Amino acid sequence: MKEIRLQLQEIETFAKKTDEFIAECYDPKLDDGVGKNIAPLQAKGMLRAEVLKSAGKNSQLQKYLNAD
């Protein structure tokens, strides 16, 4: 029963993050590439694993978040 409660809590948290993300007008573009489209998802903590390097002066995450 505890496991089910934890799963429900995880789903509720993810649903809230998703609603916030949609409200911020996330609009991925196919031609922008994976890095630029996935960076906002990683920055919001919506991915289970770190896809883009986020530490150090050569941060891929910051590079893609700041790309125009």
Protein backbone atom coordinates (compact mmCIF):
# COMPACT_ATOMS: atom_id res chain seq x y z
CA MET A 1 0.00 0.00 0.00
CA LYS A 2 2.87 2.37 0.81
CA GLU A 3 4.38 1.73 -2.62
CA ILE A 4 1.11 2.67 -4.31
CA ARG A 5 0.91 5.91 -2.30
CA LEU A 6 4.46 6.79 -3.34
CA GLN A 7 3.64 6.10 -6.98
CA LEU A 8 0.51 8.26 -6.77
CA GLN A 9 2.53 11.05 -5.20
CA GLU A 10 5.11 10.79 -7.99
CA ILE A 11 2.36 10.95 -10.62
CA GLU A 12 0.76 13.99 -8.96
CA THR A 13 4.12 15.78 -8.78
CA PHE A 14 4.85 15.01 -12.42
CA ALA A 15 1.37 16.14 -13.49
CA LYS A 16 1.87 19.45 -11.67
CA LYS A 17 5.27 20.00 -13.32
CA THR A 18 3.74 19.14 -16.70
CA ASP A 19 0.91 21.65 -16.22
CA GLU A 20 3.40 24.36 -15.23
CA PHE A 21 5.57 23.52 -18.21
CA ILE A 22 2.66 23.76 -20.64
CA ALA A 23 1.59 27.06 -19.08
CA GLU A 24 5.09 28.40 -19.81
CA CYS A 25 4.40 27.74 -23.52
CA TYR A 26 6.94 24.98 -24.13
CA ASP A 27 6.89 24.55 -27.89
CA PRO A 28 9.53 22.11 -29.15
CA LYS A 29 10.62 22.52 -32.76
CA LEU A 30 11.76 19.50 -34.75
CA ASP A 31 14.44 21.53 -36.54
CA ASP A 32 15.99 22.76 -33.26
CA GLY A 33 17.40 19.33 -32.44
CA VAL A 34 17.17 17.11 -29.40
CA GLY A 35 19.53 19.13 -27.18
CA LYS A 36 17.60 22.37 -27.40
CA ASN A 37 14.23 20.64 -27.04
CA ILE A 38 15.22 18.49 -24.06
CA ALA A 39 17.14 21.17 -22.11
CA PRO A 40 14.00 22.82 -20.64
CA LEU A 41 12.70 19.41 -19.54
CA GLN A 42 15.98 18.65 -17.76
CA ALA A 43 16.09 22.11 -16.17
CA LYS A 44 12.61 21.53 -14.69
CA GLY A 45 13.66 18.15 -13.26
CA MET A 46 11.27 16.22 -15.48
CA LEU A 47 13.80 13.63 -16.63
CA ARG A 48 14.82 10.66 -14.54
CA ALA A 49 18.45 10.98 -15.63
CA GLU A 50 20.74 13.85 -16.56
CA VAL A 51 20.88 13.81 -20.36
CA LEU A 52 22.89 16.99 -20.90
CA LYS A 53 26.02 17.73 -18.88
CA SER A 54 25.02 20.39 -16.37
CA ALA A 55 28.19 20.98 -14.34
CA GLY A 56 31.32 22.92 -15.10
CA LYS A 57 32.13 25.74 -17.45
CA ASN A 58 31.25 23.64 -20.53
CA SER A 59 27.69 22.95 -19.42
CA GLN A 60 25.67 21.54 -22.30
CA LEU A 61 22.48 22.33 -20.42
CA GLN A 62 23.25 26.05 -20.20
CA LYS A 63 24.43 26.09 -23.81
CA TYR A 64 21.09 24.77 -25.04
CA LEU A 65 18.98 26.82 -22.63
CA ASN A 66 20.68 29.99 -23.90
CA ALA A 67 20.53 29.04 -27.59
CA ASP A 68 18.26 31.13 -29.76
